[in-house]
Every structure is written in structure tokens, then in C-alpha cells.
Amino acid sequence: MLGYIFWCLNWLINAYILVIVVWCLLSWFPISRDTRLGEIINRLVEPYMHWFDFIPPLGGISFAPVVAIIVLYLVQDGLAFLAHLI
């Protein structure tokens, strides 16, 4: 049962990483954020990305999504470690 829970959490983190990548791609097309899909993705990603607003853009490019994805990968590794311990 715990293995299934860890598998589900791992799958959810992977899906969220994909949503963050799509959110970044939508930033290239500003009008796309005004669509219904863009609004849904903004509602999903903005609260998490708010934690990484302290990272200043470098040359007009924000590396906050990269740091956010790295943090999610670290969480995945921590969950995998816990799953192996249990």
C-alpha cells in the first residue's frame, strides 16, 4: 500500500513538472495565458513559483522555473529514499 502511495506521489510530481514546462512555454506567447487553459495552468503554477520570486532574472531570463524543477526533483529523490527505507 505504501509503495502505491509513493508511486502516486512520484507520478504527481512528474505531472507537475510537465505543467511548469508548459507554463514556461506559454510565456513565449503572451496571448496564450488569456485562454482558459492558460488560466488553469497559471492557477496551478503561480502559487508554487511565488516561492522562487527572490531569484533575480539574468539578462532578462528568469531561472526561477529551473530552480523550482530542481527542487521538485530533490523531493522526488527524498521520496524514493523513504520508499526504500520502508
Protein backbone atom coordinates (compact mmCIF):
# COMPACT_ATOMS: atom_id res chain seq x y z
CA MET A 1 0.00 0.00 0.00
CA LEU A 2 2.78 2.45 0.87
CA GLY A 3 4.53 1.59 -2.37
CA TYR A 4 1.43 2.64 -4.27
CA ILE A 5 1.25 5.94 -2.36
CA PHE A 6 4.90 6.69 -3.15
CA TRP A 7 4.30 5.77 -6.80
CA CYS A 8 1.29 8.13 -6.96
CA LEU A 9 3.27 10.97 -5.38
CA ASN A 10 6.11 10.38 -7.83
CA TRP A 11 3.66 10.46 -10.75
CA LEU A 12 2.04 13.67 -9.47
CA ILE A 13 5.42 15.38 -9.16
CA ASN A 14 6.31 14.36 -12.72
CA ALA A 15 2.98 15.72 -13.96
CA TYR A 16 3.52 18.99 -12.08
CA ILE A 17 6.99 19.36 -13.62
CA LEU A 18 5.37 18.97 -17.03
CA VAL A 19 2.82 21.66 -16.15
CA ILE A 20 5.66 24.00 -15.15
CA VAL A 21 7.37 23.39 -18.51
CA VAL A 22 4.12 24.13 -20.36
CA TRP A 23 3.71 27.29 -18.24
CA CYS A 24 7.19 28.40 -19.32
CA LEU A 25 6.37 27.74 -22.97
CA LEU A 26 3.15 29.74 -22.64
CA SER A 27 5.20 32.72 -21.53
CA TRP A 28 6.62 32.95 -25.06
CA PHE A 29 3.12 33.68 -26.36
CA PRO A 30 1.54 36.29 -24.06
CA ILE A 31 -1.96 35.96 -25.51
CA SER A 32 -1.99 32.25 -24.66
CA ARG A 33 -2.19 33.00 -20.94
CA ASP A 34 -5.56 34.66 -21.52
CA THR A 35 -7.09 31.40 -22.76
CA ARG A 36 -8.96 29.04 -20.46
CA LEU A 37 -6.07 26.55 -20.49
CA GLY A 38 -3.61 29.35 -19.71
CA GLU A 39 -5.71 30.48 -16.75
CA ILE A 40 -5.87 26.93 -15.36
CA ILE A 41 -2.11 26.46 -15.71
CA ASN A 42 -1.49 29.86 -14.08
CA ARG A 43 -3.67 28.88 -11.12
CA LEU A 44 -1.70 25.65 -10.72
CA VAL A 45 1.81 27.04 -11.12
CA GLU A 46 1.77 30.61 -9.77
CA PRO A 47 1.44 29.69 -6.05
CA TYR A 48 4.46 27.37 -6.27
CA MET A 49 6.51 29.75 -8.41
CA HIS A 50 5.82 32.54 -5.90
CA TRP A 51 8.28 30.79 -3.55
CA PHE A 52 11.06 31.41 -6.09
CA ASP A 53 10.47 35.12 -6.78
CA PHE A 54 13.62 36.02 -4.89
CA ILE A 55 15.79 34.78 -7.79
CA PRO A 56 16.60 37.82 -9.96
CA PRO A 57 16.41 37.45 -13.74
CA LEU A 58 19.76 37.30 -15.50
CA GLY A 59 19.81 39.11 -18.82
CA GLY A 60 16.02 39.22 -18.93
CA ILE A 61 15.75 35.45 -18.48
CA SER A 62 14.32 34.08 -15.25
CA PHE A 63 15.90 30.93 -13.91
CA ALA A 64 13.26 30.53 -11.19
CA PRO A 65 11.44 27.70 -13.08
CA VAL A 66 14.72 25.80 -13.37
CA VAL A 67 15.33 26.09 -9.64
CA ALA A 68 11.70 25.11 -8.95
CA ILE A 69 12.04 21.97 -11.09
CA ILE A 70 15.34 21.07 -9.40
CA VAL A 71 13.62 21.35 -6.00
CA LEU A 72 10.86 19.02 -7.21
CA TYR A 73 13.47 16.50 -8.40
CA LEU A 74 15.10 16.66 -4.96
CA VAL A 75 11.71 15.99 -3.37
CA GLN A 76 11.29 13.00 -5.69
CA ASP A 77 14.69 11.66 -4.65
CA GLY A 78 13.76 12.10 -0.99
CA LEU A 79 10.52 10.21 -1.52
CA ALA A 80 12.37 7.42 -3.33
CA PHE A 81 14.82 7.21 -0.43
CA LEU A 82 11.94 6.99 2.05
CA ALA A 83 10.27 4.30 -0.06
CA HIS A 84 13.45 2.22 0.02
CA LEU A 85 13.76 2.66 3.79
CA ILE A 86 10.23 1.42 4.35
